[in-house]
């Protein structure tokens, strides 16, 4: 493979790095920041924990990323507040924590009342779906720093040691996957590049469900917090929120081989992005959730019961080894 080719050798095929996001570089920079700022807290793969004695305070922080540029181009900000809530509360869920409160931070180049109202409506809808309290926030007007706007937030919850997931899968565990609502809030840099290659967000969406490409890309991230009781009931060992890095997020559950033999179907929006950008199968699975937004590892004899109680499905198993196998790919 030469520079400019994707993993299938297509010289015109897009990659996430081509679009401007190199996952390896991003992870290295994040690791450097964490190492420099570490204060000895008990961190999980998805949330930071502060030991309060008889329980832990858990915190997760995230934003919406370049999905905001789609919202700005389309002129519809009503859903990205849901994304902001979802990206944070789903991370707490992956640690076994029930989120309790959320605080947001909005940075703008100039005030815009309609935009602020729509963002607020989305935050309220997301908070209601997640069962968390919105406890204020901050709006900063910084025209010399921000072009357009950015929104991020922090979710907080508490859990006892017994309530936290162990955080590590076990060889022989089953994998249960839960459907995504579409692209969610990751990989949008690549999706935007593909969508605007030969058209724009106002182009008719070639599949059922949405009027335009922009509508499909703005479908908000699914919130999974209602599943926590079922996860605890059936003894989930570890969980993965499928976000940046796509299916390689399963590695956060420990150094095993994750054999995804029966993946959930990917929504048509992924076909659209792949076709429009000439993106390889491997790049799609390293970038996007490909139809599955959340995965848990739990004892094999409990997996069918969890799936029957929820909308999850048994998608594979945990084995000795390393990496992720899915749809004929090895990631």
C-alpha atoms as a PDB file:
ATOM      1  CA  UNK A   1       0.000   0.000   0.000  1.00  0.00           C
ATOM      2  CA  UNK A   2       1.392   3.394  -0.948  1.00  0.00           C
ATOM      3  CA  UNK A   3       0.596   6.874   0.322  1.00  0.00           C
ATOM      4  CA  UNK A   4      -2.876   7.909  -0.792  1.00  0.00           C
ATOM      5  CA  UNK A   5      -4.210   4.331  -1.069  1.00  0.00           C
ATOM      6  CA  UNK A   6      -6.718   2.908   1.354  1.00  0.00           C
ATOM      7  CA  UNK A   7      -6.350  -0.528   2.922  1.00  0.00           C
ATOM      8  CA  UNK A   8      -7.811  -2.152  -0.201  1.00  0.00           C
ATOM      9  CA  UNK A   9      -5.219  -0.505  -2.435  1.00  0.00           C
ATOM     10  CA  UNK A  10      -7.670   1.988  -3.935  1.00  0.00           C
ATOM     11  CA  UNK A  11      -5.729   5.200  -4.668  1.00  0.00           C
ATOM     12  CA  UNK A  12      -8.953   7.247  -4.455  1.00  0.00           C
ATOM     13  CA  UNK A  13     -10.334   5.647  -1.293  1.00  0.00           C
ATOM     14  CA  UNK A  14     -10.581   7.866   1.765  1.00  0.00           C
ATOM     15  CA  UNK A  15      -9.130   7.042   5.163  1.00  0.00           C
ATOM     16  CA  UNK A  16      -9.721   8.736   8.498  1.00  0.00           C
ATOM     17  CA  UNK A  17      -6.123   9.982   8.412  1.00  0.00           C
ATOM     18  CA  UNK A  18      -6.645  11.415   4.907  1.00  0.00           C
ATOM     19  CA  UNK A  19      -9.649  13.307   6.234  1.00  0.00           C
ATOM     20  CA  UNK A  20      -7.515  14.816   8.988  1.00  0.00           C
ATOM     21  CA  UNK A  21      -7.722  12.458  11.974  1.00  0.00           C
ATOM     22  CA  UNK A  22      -4.907   9.983  12.631  1.00  0.00           C
ATOM     23  CA  UNK A  23      -6.147   7.703  15.418  1.00  0.00           C
ATOM     24  CA  UNK A  24      -2.654   6.517  16.373  1.00  0.00           C
ATOM     25  CA  UNK A  25      -1.379  10.080  16.717  1.00  0.00           C
ATOM     26  CA  UNK A  26      -4.482  11.055  18.677  1.00  0.00           C
ATOM     27  CA  UNK A  27      -4.075   8.174  21.105  1.00  0.00           C
ATOM     28  CA  UNK A  28      -0.387   8.960  21.594  1.00  0.00           C
ATOM     29  CA  UNK A  29      -1.158  12.605  22.361  1.00  0.00           C
ATOM     30  CA  UNK A  30      -3.911  11.601  24.773  1.00  0.00           C
ATOM     31  CA  UNK A  31      -1.578   9.176  26.549  1.00  0.00           C
ATOM     32  CA  UNK A  32       1.034  11.923  26.914  1.00  0.00           C
ATOM     33  CA  UNK A  33      -1.533  14.261  28.455  1.00  0.00           C
ATOM     34  CA  UNK A  34      -2.812  11.604  30.853  1.00  0.00           C
ATOM     35  CA  UNK A  35       0.694  10.642  31.931  1.00  0.00           C
ATOM     36  CA  UNK A  36       1.638  14.254  32.580  1.00  0.00           C
ATOM     37  CA  UNK A  37      -1.553  15.109  34.452  1.00  0.00           C
ATOM     38  CA  UNK A  38      -1.992  11.855  36.388  1.00  0.00           C
ATOM     39  CA  UNK A  39      -2.682  12.303  40.092  1.00  0.00           C
ATOM     40  CA  UNK A  40      -3.075   8.679  41.060  1.00  0.00           C
ATOM     41  CA  UNK A  41      -6.847   8.417  40.763  1.00  0.00           C
ATOM     42  CA  UNK A  42      -8.480   5.039  40.105  1.00  0.00           C
ATOM     43  CA  UNK A  43      -9.407   5.273  36.447  1.00  0.00           C
ATOM     44  CA  UNK A  44     -11.387   2.847  34.317  1.00  0.00           C
ATOM     45  CA  UNK A  45     -11.174   2.606  30.528  1.00  0.00           C
ATOM     46  CA  UNK A  46     -14.049   5.088  30.230  1.00  0.00           C
ATOM     47  CA  UNK A  47     -14.366   7.089  33.442  1.00  0.00           C
ATOM     48  CA  UNK A  48     -12.225   8.631  36.138  1.00  0.00           C
ATOM     49  CA  UNK A  49     -12.932   7.485  39.694  1.00  0.00           C
ATOM     50  CA  UNK A  50     -12.432   9.375  42.933  1.00  0.00           C
ATOM     51  CA  UNK A  51     -12.460   7.209  46.062  1.00  0.00           C
ATOM     52  CA  UNK A  52     -14.876   8.753  48.578  1.00  0.00           C
ATOM     53  CA  UNK A  53     -14.517   5.955  51.103  1.00  0.00           C
ATOM     54  CA  UNK A  54     -17.693   3.884  50.820  1.00  0.00           C
ATOM     55  CA  UNK A  55     -18.251   4.707  47.140  1.00  0.00           C
ATOM     56  CA  UNK A  56     -16.632   6.255  44.091  1.00  0.00           C
ATOM     57  CA  UNK A  57     -17.399   9.514  42.355  1.00  0.00           C
ATOM     58  CA  UNK A  58     -17.182   8.768  38.617  1.00  0.00           C
ATOM     59  CA  UNK A  59     -16.617  11.452  35.987  1.00  0.00           C
ATOM     60  CA  UNK A  60     -16.589  11.389  32.197  1.00  0.00           C
ATOM     61  CA  UNK A  61     -16.111  14.304  29.807  1.00  0.00           C
ATOM     62  CA  UNK A  62     -16.557  14.550  26.058  1.00  0.00           C
ATOM     63  CA  UNK A  63     -17.873  16.699  23.239  1.00  0.00           C
ATOM     64  CA  UNK A  64     -19.675  16.217  19.938  1.00  0.00           C
ATOM     65  CA  UNK A  65     -16.723  16.722  17.590  1.00  0.00           C
ATOM     66  CA  UNK A  66     -17.057  17.712  13.965  1.00  0.00           C
ATOM     67  CA  UNK A  67     -20.680  16.633  13.843  1.00  0.00           C
ATOM     68  CA  UNK A  68     -21.199  20.249  14.893  1.00  0.00           C
ATOM     69  CA  UNK A  69     -20.036  21.317  11.433  1.00  0.00           C
ATOM     70  CA  UNK A  70     -22.840  19.294   9.860  1.00  0.00           C
ATOM     71  CA  UNK A  71     -25.351  20.945  12.212  1.00  0.00           C
ATOM     72  CA  UNK A  72     -23.971  24.363  11.333  1.00  0.00           C
ATOM     73  CA  UNK A  73     -24.048  23.681   7.583  1.00  0.00           C
ATOM     74  CA  UNK A  74     -27.612  22.369   7.750  1.00  0.00           C
ATOM     75  CA  UNK A  75     -28.738  25.024  10.219  1.00  0.00           C
ATOM     76  CA  UNK A  76     -30.233  22.466  12.614  1.00  0.00           C
ATOM     77  CA  UNK A  77     -28.807  22.325  16.135  1.00  0.00           C
ATOM     78  CA  UNK A  78     -31.703  20.476  17.764  1.00  0.00           C
ATOM     79  CA  UNK A  79     -30.065  17.062  18.096  1.00  0.00           C
ATOM     80  CA  UNK A  80     -26.427  17.713  18.973  1.00  0.00           C
ATOM     81  CA  UNK A  81     -27.280  18.409  22.618  1.00  0.00           C
ATOM     82  CA  UNK A  82     -28.511  14.818  22.792  1.00  0.00           C
ATOM     83  CA  UNK A  83     -25.166  13.700  21.369  1.00  0.00           C
ATOM     84  CA  UNK A  84     -23.316  15.675  24.024  1.00  0.00           C
ATOM     85  CA  UNK A  85     -25.250  13.983  26.829  1.00  0.00           C
ATOM     86  CA  UNK A  86     -25.022  10.539  25.217  1.00  0.00           C
ATOM     87  CA  UNK A  87     -21.280  10.534  24.651  1.00  0.00           C
ATOM     88  CA  UNK A  88     -20.727  11.150  28.355  1.00  0.00           C
ATOM     89  CA  UNK A  89     -23.391   9.046  30.047  1.00  0.00           C
ATOM     90  CA  UNK A  90     -22.611   6.045  27.830  1.00  0.00           C
ATOM     91  CA  UNK A  91     -19.001   6.221  28.997  1.00  0.00           C
ATOM     92  CA  UNK A  92     -20.121   6.132  32.636  1.00  0.00           C
ATOM     93  CA  UNK A  93     -22.366   3.178  31.807  1.00  0.00           C
ATOM     94  CA  UNK A  94     -19.357   1.338  30.341  1.00  0.00           C
ATOM     95  CA  UNK A  95     -17.790   1.502  33.811  1.00  0.00           C
ATOM     96  CA  UNK A  96     -20.953   0.249  35.517  1.00  0.00           C
ATOM     97  CA  UNK A  97     -21.949   3.671  36.865  1.00  0.00           C
ATOM     98  CA  UNK A  98     -25.425   5.183  36.832  1.00  0.00           C
ATOM     99  CA  UNK A  99     -25.047   8.842  35.772  1.00  0.00           C
ATOM    100  CA  UNK A 100     -26.688  11.393  38.039  1.00  0.00           C
ATOM    101  CA  UNK A 101     -25.779  14.876  36.827  1.00  0.00           C
ATOM    102  CA  UNK A 102     -24.451  16.711  33.797  1.00  0.00           C
ATOM    103  CA  UNK A 103     -22.818  20.103  33.271  1.00  0.00           C
ATOM    104  CA  UNK A 104     -22.182  21.629  29.846  1.00  0.00           C
ATOM    105  CA  UNK A 105     -19.705  24.122  28.378  1.00  0.00           C
ATOM    106  CA  UNK A 106     -20.608  26.113  25.274  1.00  0.00           C
ATOM    107  CA  UNK A 107     -17.972  28.242  23.522  1.00  0.00           C
ATOM    108  CA  UNK A 108     -19.070  30.566  20.701  1.00  0.00           C
ATOM    109  CA  UNK A 109     -17.581  33.203  18.467  1.00  0.00           C
ATOM    110  CA  UNK A 110     -20.715  35.307  18.877  1.00  0.00           C
ATOM    111  CA  UNK A 111     -24.050  34.837  20.675  1.00  0.00           C
ATOM    112  CA  UNK A 112     -26.891  33.309  18.659  1.00  0.00           C
ATOM    113  CA  UNK A 113     -30.228  33.025  20.432  1.00  0.00           C
ATOM    114  CA  UNK A 114     -31.828  30.475  18.091  1.00  0.00           C
ATOM    115  CA  UNK A 115     -28.774  28.226  18.154  1.00  0.00           C
ATOM    116  CA  UNK A 116     -28.567  28.421  21.943  1.00  0.00           C
ATOM    117  CA  UNK A 117     -32.257  27.551  22.304  1.00  0.00           C
ATOM    118  CA  UNK A 118     -31.956  24.521  20.020  1.00  0.00           C
ATOM    119  CA  UNK A 119     -28.834  23.324  21.810  1.00  0.00           C
ATOM    120  CA  UNK A 120     -30.654  23.699  25.108  1.00  0.00           C
ATOM    121  CA  UNK A 121     -33.635  21.719  23.836  1.00  0.00           C
ATOM    122  CA  UNK A 122     -31.301  18.895  22.803  1.00  0.00           C
ATOM    123  CA  UNK A 123     -29.527  18.890  26.160  1.00  0.00           C
ATOM    124  CA  UNK A 124     -32.875  18.730  27.958  1.00  0.00           C
ATOM    125  CA  UNK A 125     -34.059  15.856  25.771  1.00  0.00           C
ATOM    126  CA  UNK A 126     -30.808  13.958  26.296  1.00  0.00           C
ATOM    127  CA  UNK A 127     -30.859  14.515  30.039  1.00  0.00           C
ATOM    128  CA  UNK A 128     -34.444  13.276  30.219  1.00  0.00           C
ATOM    129  CA  UNK A 129     -33.590  10.130  28.242  1.00  0.00           C
ATOM    130  CA  UNK A 130     -30.528   9.451  30.414  1.00  0.00           C
ATOM    131  CA  UNK A 131     -32.268  10.248  33.692  1.00  0.00           C
ATOM    132  CA  UNK A 132     -29.717  12.864  34.728  1.00  0.00           C
ATOM    133  CA  UNK A 133     -30.074  16.346  36.174  1.00  0.00           C
ATOM    134  CA  UNK A 134     -28.751  19.332  34.231  1.00  0.00           C
ATOM    135  CA  UNK A 135     -26.946  21.308  36.909  1.00  0.00           C
ATOM    136  CA  UNK A 136     -25.932  24.437  35.048  1.00  0.00           C
ATOM    137  CA  UNK A 137     -23.080  25.165  32.732  1.00  0.00           C
ATOM    138  CA  UNK A 138     -20.981  27.878  31.171  1.00  0.00           C
ATOM    139  CA  UNK A 139     -21.231  29.868  27.956  1.00  0.00           C
ATOM    140  CA  UNK A 140     -18.082  31.658  26.803  1.00  0.00           C
ATOM    141  CA  UNK A 141     -17.936  34.181  23.963  1.00  0.00           C
ATOM    142  CA  UNK A 142     -14.411  33.967  22.512  1.00  0.00           C
ATOM    143  CA  UNK A 143     -14.200  35.275  18.927  1.00  0.00           C
ATOM    144  CA  UNK A 144     -10.393  35.140  18.957  1.00  0.00           C
ATOM    145  CA  UNK A 145     -10.363  31.472  19.967  1.00  0.00           C
ATOM    146  CA  UNK A 146     -13.485  29.844  18.529  1.00  0.00           C
ATOM    147  CA  UNK A 147     -14.804  29.915  14.988  1.00  0.00           C
ATOM    148  CA  UNK A 148     -18.473  29.022  15.090  1.00  0.00           C
ATOM    149  CA  UNK A 149     -19.144  27.106  18.284  1.00  0.00           C
ATOM    150  CA  UNK A 150     -18.164  24.082  20.322  1.00  0.00           C
ATOM    151  CA  UNK A 151     -20.093  22.240  23.015  1.00  0.00           C
ATOM    152  CA  UNK A 152     -18.814  19.720  25.526  1.00  0.00           C
ATOM    153  CA  UNK A 153     -19.832  18.472  28.920  1.00  0.00           C
ATOM    154  CA  UNK A 154     -19.126  16.336  31.947  1.00  0.00           C
ATOM    155  CA  UNK A 155     -21.297  13.628  33.473  1.00  0.00           C
ATOM    156  CA  UNK A 156     -21.018  12.539  37.090  1.00  0.00           C
ATOM    157  CA  UNK A 157     -22.319   9.563  39.020  1.00  0.00           C
ATOM    158  CA  UNK A 158     -21.558   7.505  42.099  1.00  0.00           C
ATOM    159  CA  UNK A 159     -21.147   3.767  42.540  1.00  0.00           C
ATOM    160  CA  UNK A 160     -19.905   1.373  45.168  1.00  0.00           C
ATOM    161  CA  UNK A 161     -17.037  -0.971  44.423  1.00  0.00           C
ATOM    162  CA  UNK A 162     -19.523  -3.841  44.111  1.00  0.00           C
ATOM    163  CA  UNK A 163     -21.619  -1.908  41.581  1.00  0.00           C
ATOM    164  CA  UNK A 164     -18.719  -1.146  39.255  1.00  0.00           C
ATOM    165  CA  UNK A 165     -18.101  -3.636  36.463  1.00  0.00           C
ATOM    166  CA  UNK A 166     -14.890  -5.611  37.037  1.00  0.00           C
ATOM    167  CA  UNK A 167     -13.731  -3.925  33.823  1.00  0.00           C
ATOM    168  CA  UNK A 168     -12.056  -6.956  32.300  1.00  0.00           C
ATOM    169  CA  UNK A 169     -13.581  -9.651  30.133  1.00  0.00           C
ATOM    170  CA  UNK A 170     -12.790 -13.321  30.628  1.00  0.00           C
ATOM    171  CA  UNK A 171     -11.884 -15.921  28.017  1.00  0.00           C
ATOM    172  CA  UNK A 172     -15.057 -17.854  27.247  1.00  0.00           C
ATOM    173  CA  UNK A 173     -17.348 -14.855  27.810  1.00  0.00           C
ATOM    174  CA  UNK A 174     -20.081 -14.148  25.306  1.00  0.00           C
ATOM    175  CA  UNK A 175     -20.372 -10.767  23.609  1.00  0.00           C
ATOM    176  CA  UNK A 176     -23.791  -9.100  23.472  1.00  0.00           C
ATOM    177  CA  UNK A 177     -24.159  -6.125  21.152  1.00  0.00           C
ATOM    178  CA  UNK A 178     -26.756  -3.358  21.157  1.00  0.00           C
ATOM    179  CA  UNK A 179     -27.837  -1.506  18.009  1.00  0.00           C
ATOM    180  CA  UNK A 180     -26.632   2.000  17.316  1.00  0.00           C
ATOM    181  CA  UNK A 181     -28.868   4.688  15.852  1.00  0.00           C
ATOM    182  CA  UNK A 182     -26.427   5.236  12.990  1.00  0.00           C
ATOM    183  CA  UNK A 183     -23.080   7.024  12.894  1.00  0.00           C
ATOM    184  CA  UNK A 184     -23.513   8.582  16.353  1.00  0.00           C
ATOM    185  CA  UNK A 185     -20.776  11.184  17.055  1.00  0.00           C
ATOM    186  CA  UNK A 186     -17.577   9.564  15.855  1.00  0.00           C
ATOM    187  CA  UNK A 187     -15.866   9.424  12.509  1.00  0.00           C
ATOM    188  CA  UNK A 188     -17.740  12.489  11.271  1.00  0.00           C
ATOM    189  CA  UNK A 189     -14.539  13.971   9.844  1.00  0.00           C
ATOM    190  CA  UNK A 190     -14.368  11.025   7.464  1.00  0.00           C
ATOM    191  CA  UNK A 191     -18.138  10.924   6.901  1.00  0.00           C
ATOM    192  CA  UNK A 192     -18.220  14.646   6.083  1.00  0.00           C
ATOM    193  CA  UNK A 193     -15.347  14.302   3.651  1.00  0.00           C
ATOM    194  CA  UNK A 194     -17.149  11.446   1.893  1.00  0.00           C
ATOM    195  CA  UNK A 195     -20.535  13.197   1.876  1.00  0.00           C
ATOM    196  CA  UNK A 196     -19.191  16.390   0.339  1.00  0.00           C
ATOM    197  CA  UNK A 197     -16.923  14.743  -2.202  1.00  0.00           C
ATOM    198  CA  UNK A 198     -19.412  15.013  -5.051  1.00  0.00           C
ATOM    199  CA  UNK A 199     -22.361  16.731  -3.417  1.00  0.00           C
ATOM    200  CA  UNK A 200     -23.479  18.254  -0.153  1.00  0.00           C
ATOM    201  CA  UNK A 201     -25.577  17.735   2.935  1.00  0.00           C
ATOM    202  CA  UNK A 202     -28.727  18.855   1.128  1.00  0.00           C
ATOM    203  CA  UNK A 203     -28.425  16.039  -1.421  1.00  0.00           C
ATOM    204  CA  UNK A 204     -31.321  13.544  -1.333  1.00  0.00           C
ATOM    205  CA  UNK A 205     -30.531  10.580   0.888  1.00  0.00           C
ATOM    206  CA  UNK A 206     -30.480   7.482  -1.339  1.00  0.00           C
ATOM    207  CA  UNK A 207     -32.115   5.196   1.242  1.00  0.00           C
ATOM    208  CA  UNK A 208     -35.350   5.270   3.246  1.00  0.00           C
ATOM    209  CA  UNK A 209     -35.601   7.051   6.582  1.00  0.00           C
ATOM    210  CA  UNK A 210     -34.259  10.530   5.868  1.00  0.00           C
ATOM    211  CA  UNK A 211     -34.851  13.246   3.319  1.00  0.00           C
ATOM    212  CA  UNK A 212     -31.269  14.462   2.994  1.00  0.00           C
ATOM    213  CA  UNK A 213     -27.735  13.271   3.654  1.00  0.00           C
ATOM    214  CA  UNK A 214     -27.440  15.886   6.386  1.00  0.00           C
ATOM    215  CA  UNK A 215     -30.478  14.468   8.180  1.00  0.00           C
ATOM    216  CA  UNK A 216     -28.908  11.002   8.194  1.00  0.00           C
ATOM    217  CA  UNK A 217     -25.594  12.268   9.567  1.00  0.00           C
ATOM    218  CA  UNK A 218     -27.334  14.231  12.326  1.00  0.00           C
ATOM    219  CA  UNK A 219     -29.238  11.251  13.761  1.00  0.00           C
ATOM    220  CA  UNK A 220     -28.315  11.563  17.463  1.00  0.00           C
ATOM    221  CA  UNK A 221     -26.269   9.099  19.466  1.00  0.00           C
ATOM    222  CA  UNK A 222     -28.316   6.443  21.219  1.00  0.00           C
ATOM    223  CA  UNK A 223     -28.388   6.549  25.025  1.00  0.00           C
ATOM    224  CA  UNK A 224     -27.999   3.132  26.690  1.00  0.00           C
ATOM    225  CA  UNK A 225     -28.257   3.956  30.399  1.00  0.00           C
ATOM    226  CA  UNK A 226     -31.622   2.201  30.793  1.00  0.00           C
ATOM    227  CA  UNK A 227     -29.757  -1.098  30.352  1.00  0.00           C
ATOM    228  CA  UNK A 228     -27.676  -0.806  33.537  1.00  0.00           C
ATOM    229  CA  UNK A 229     -29.996  -2.816  35.795  1.00  0.00           C
ATOM    230  CA  UNK A 230     -30.054  -5.671  33.279  1.00  0.00           C
ATOM    231  CA  UNK A 231     -26.271  -5.545  32.957  1.00  0.00           C
ATOM    232  CA  UNK A 232     -25.843  -5.861  36.712  1.00  0.00           C
ATOM    233  CA  UNK A 233     -28.491  -8.580  36.985  1.00  0.00           C
ATOM    234  CA  UNK A 234     -26.716 -10.774  34.463  1.00  0.00           C
ATOM    235  CA  UNK A 235     -23.180 -10.248  35.753  1.00  0.00           C
ATOM    236  CA  UNK A 236     -21.548  -8.197  33.017  1.00  0.00           C
ATOM    237  CA  UNK A 237     -17.773  -8.349  33.362  1.00  0.00           C
ATOM    238  CA  UNK A 238     -16.853  -5.448  31.073  1.00  0.00           C
ATOM    239  CA  UNK A 239     -18.396  -3.126  28.500  1.00  0.00           C
ATOM    240  CA  UNK A 240     -17.297  -1.155  25.465  1.00  0.00           C
ATOM    241  CA  UNK A 241     -18.874   2.036  24.146  1.00  0.00           C
ATOM    242  CA  UNK A 242     -18.145   1.852  20.405  1.00  0.00           C
ATOM    243  CA  UNK A 243     -16.902   5.362  19.673  1.00  0.00           C
ATOM    244  CA  UNK A 244     -13.686   6.727  18.150  1.00  0.00           C
ATOM    245  CA  UNK A 245     -11.585   3.843  16.886  1.00  0.00           C
ATOM    246  CA  UNK A 246     -14.648   1.811  15.961  1.00  0.00           C
ATOM    247  CA  UNK A 247     -14.488  -1.882  16.799  1.00  0.00           C
ATOM    248  CA  UNK A 248     -10.986  -1.635  18.238  1.00  0.00           C
ATOM    249  CA  UNK A 249     -12.764  -0.286  21.338  1.00  0.00           C
ATOM    250  CA  UNK A 250     -13.333  -3.911  22.336  1.00  0.00           C
ATOM    251  CA  UNK A 251      -9.658  -3.978  23.323  1.00  0.00           C
ATOM    252  CA  UNK A 252     -10.589  -1.757  26.258  1.00  0.00           C
ATOM    253  CA  UNK A 253     -12.155  -4.827  27.866  1.00  0.00           C
ATOM    254  CA  UNK A 254      -8.745  -6.490  28.159  1.00  0.00           C
ATOM    255  CA  UNK A 255      -6.127  -8.215  26.055  1.00  0.00           C
ATOM    256  CA  UNK A 256      -8.142 -10.992  24.401  1.00  0.00           C
ATOM    257  CA  UNK A 257      -9.295 -12.095  20.972  1.00  0.00           C
ATOM    258  CA  UNK A 258     -12.783 -10.722  20.331  1.00  0.00           C
ATOM    259  CA  UNK A 259     -14.462 -12.957  17.764  1.00  0.00           C
ATOM    260  CA  UNK A 260     -17.528 -11.161  16.413  1.00  0.00           C
ATOM    261  CA  UNK A 261     -19.113 -13.963  14.401  1.00  0.00           C
ATOM    262  CA  UNK A 262     -22.684 -12.600  14.177  1.00  0.00           C
ATOM    263  CA  UNK A 263     -22.506  -8.793  14.055  1.00  0.00           C
ATOM    264  CA  UNK A 264     -25.637  -6.695  14.031  1.00  0.00           C
ATOM    265  CA  UNK A 265     -26.508  -5.227  10.632  1.00  0.00           C
ATOM    266  CA  UNK A 266     -25.038  -1.842   9.768  1.00  0.00           C
ATOM    267  CA  UNK A 267     -27.516   0.881   8.864  1.00  0.00           C
ATOM    268  CA  UNK A 268     -27.581   2.121   5.243  1.00  0.00           C
ATOM    269  CA  UNK A 269     -25.821   5.358   6.227  1.00  0.00           C
ATOM    270  CA  UNK A 270     -22.601   3.353   6.477  1.00  0.00           C
ATOM    271  CA  UNK A 271     -23.099   2.022   2.943  1.00  0.00           C
ATOM    272  CA  UNK A 272     -23.577   5.601   1.812  1.00  0.00           C
ATOM    273  CA  UNK A 273     -20.353   6.817   3.440  1.00  0.00           C
ATOM    274  CA  UNK A 274     -18.362   3.849   2.183  1.00  0.00           C
ATOM    275  CA  UNK A 275     -19.630   4.197  -1.390  1.00  0.00           C
ATOM    276  CA  UNK A 276     -19.284   7.995  -1.499  1.00  0.00           C
ATOM    277  CA  UNK A 277     -15.757   7.941  -0.122  1.00  0.00           C
ATOM    278  CA  UNK A 278     -14.472   4.655  -1.521  1.00  0.00           C
ATOM    279  CA  UNK A 279     -13.605   3.673   2.034  1.00  0.00           C
ATOM    280  CA  UNK A 280     -12.236   0.175   2.668  1.00  0.00           C
ATOM    281  CA  UNK A 281     -14.060  -2.322   4.879  1.00  0.00           C
ATOM    282  CA  UNK A 282     -11.208  -2.285   7.399  1.00  0.00           C
ATOM    283  CA  UNK A 283     -11.178   1.510   7.590  1.00  0.00           C
ATOM    284  CA  UNK A 284     -14.944   1.568   8.112  1.00  0.00           C
ATOM    285  CA  UNK A 285     -14.684  -0.826  11.065  1.00  0.00           C
ATOM    286  CA  UNK A 286     -11.701   1.024  12.547  1.00  0.00           C
ATOM    287  CA  UNK A 287     -13.590   4.320  12.370  1.00  0.00           C
ATOM    288  CA  UNK A 288     -17.329   3.718  12.824  1.00  0.00           C
ATOM    289  CA  UNK A 289     -19.603   1.631  15.048  1.00  0.00           C
ATOM    290  CA  UNK A 290     -21.014  -0.108  11.941  1.00  0.00           C
ATOM    291  CA  UNK A 291     -24.435  -0.635  13.493  1.00  0.00           C
ATOM    292  CA  UNK A 292     -23.463  -1.543  17.057  1.00  0.00           C
ATOM    293  CA  UNK A 293     -23.094   1.231  19.622  1.00  0.00           C
ATOM    294  CA  UNK A 294     -22.445  -0.762  22.794  1.00  0.00           C
ATOM    295  CA  UNK A 295     -21.035  -4.215  23.590  1.00  0.00           C
ATOM    296  CA  UNK A 296     -20.815  -6.136  26.853  1.00  0.00           C
ATOM    297  CA  UNK A 297     -18.861  -9.240  27.834  1.00  0.00           C
ATOM    298  CA  UNK A 298     -20.519 -11.589  30.308  1.00  0.00           C
ATOM    299  CA  UNK A 299     -20.663 -15.285  31.234  1.00  0.00           C
ATOM    300  CA  UNK A 300     -21.854 -17.379  28.309  1.00  0.00           C
ATOM    301  CA  UNK A 301     -24.697 -18.934  30.303  1.00  0.00           C
ATOM    302  CA  UNK A 302     -26.161 -15.484  31.035  1.00  0.00           C
ATOM    303  CA  UNK A 303     -25.928 -13.992  27.541  1.00  0.00           C
ATOM    304  CA  UNK A 304     -29.152 -15.363  26.072  1.00  0.00           C
ATOM    305  CA  UNK A 305     -31.157 -14.148  29.062  1.00  0.00           C
ATOM    306  CA  UNK A 306     -29.723 -10.640  28.768  1.00  0.00           C
ATOM    307  CA  UNK A 307     -30.438 -10.554  25.048  1.00  0.00           C
ATOM    308  CA  UNK A 308     -34.031 -11.719  25.546  1.00  0.00           C
ATOM    309  CA  UNK A 309     -34.636  -9.078  28.213  1.00  0.00           C
ATOM    310  CA  UNK A 310     -33.285  -6.240  26.039  1.00  0.00           C
ATOM    311  CA  UNK A 311     -32.803  -5.426  22.361  1.00  0.00           C
ATOM    312  CA  UNK A 312     -29.308  -6.900  22.447  1.00  0.00           C
ATOM    313  CA  UNK A 313     -28.097  -9.923  20.513  1.00  0.00           C
ATOM    314  CA  UNK A 314     -25.280 -12.377  21.097  1.00  0.00           C
ATOM    315  CA  UNK A 315     -22.700 -11.308  18.511  1.00  0.00           C
ATOM    316  CA  UNK A 316     -19.631 -13.347  19.399  1.00  0.00           C
ATOM    317  CA  UNK A 317     -17.274 -14.548  22.077  1.00  0.00           C
ATOM    318  CA  UNK A 318     -14.073 -13.739  23.931  1.00  0.00           C
ATOM    319  CA  UNK A 319     -11.096 -16.024  23.326  1.00  0.00           C
ATOM    320  CA  UNK A 320      -7.433 -16.132  24.232  1.00  0.00           C
ATOM    321  CA  UNK A 321      -5.280 -14.069  21.883  1.00  0.00           C
ATOM    322  CA  UNK A 322      -5.501 -10.486  20.760  1.00  0.00           C
ATOM    323  CA  UNK A 323      -7.291  -8.252  18.272  1.00  0.00           C
ATOM    324  CA  UNK A 324     -10.821  -8.171  16.889  1.00  0.00           C
ATOM    325  CA  UNK A 325     -12.195 -10.345  14.122  1.00  0.00           C
ATOM    326  CA  UNK A 326     -15.367  -9.204  12.406  1.00  0.00           C
ATOM    327  CA  UNK A 327     -16.851  -9.672   8.933  1.00  0.00           C
ATOM    328  CA  UNK A 328     -13.715 -11.400   7.687  1.00  0.00           C
ATOM    329  CA  UNK A 329     -11.455  -8.618   8.992  1.00  0.00           C
ATOM    330  CA  UNK A 330      -8.758  -8.764  11.640  1.00  0.00           C
ATOM    331  CA  UNK A 331      -8.381  -5.414  13.394  1.00  0.00           C
END
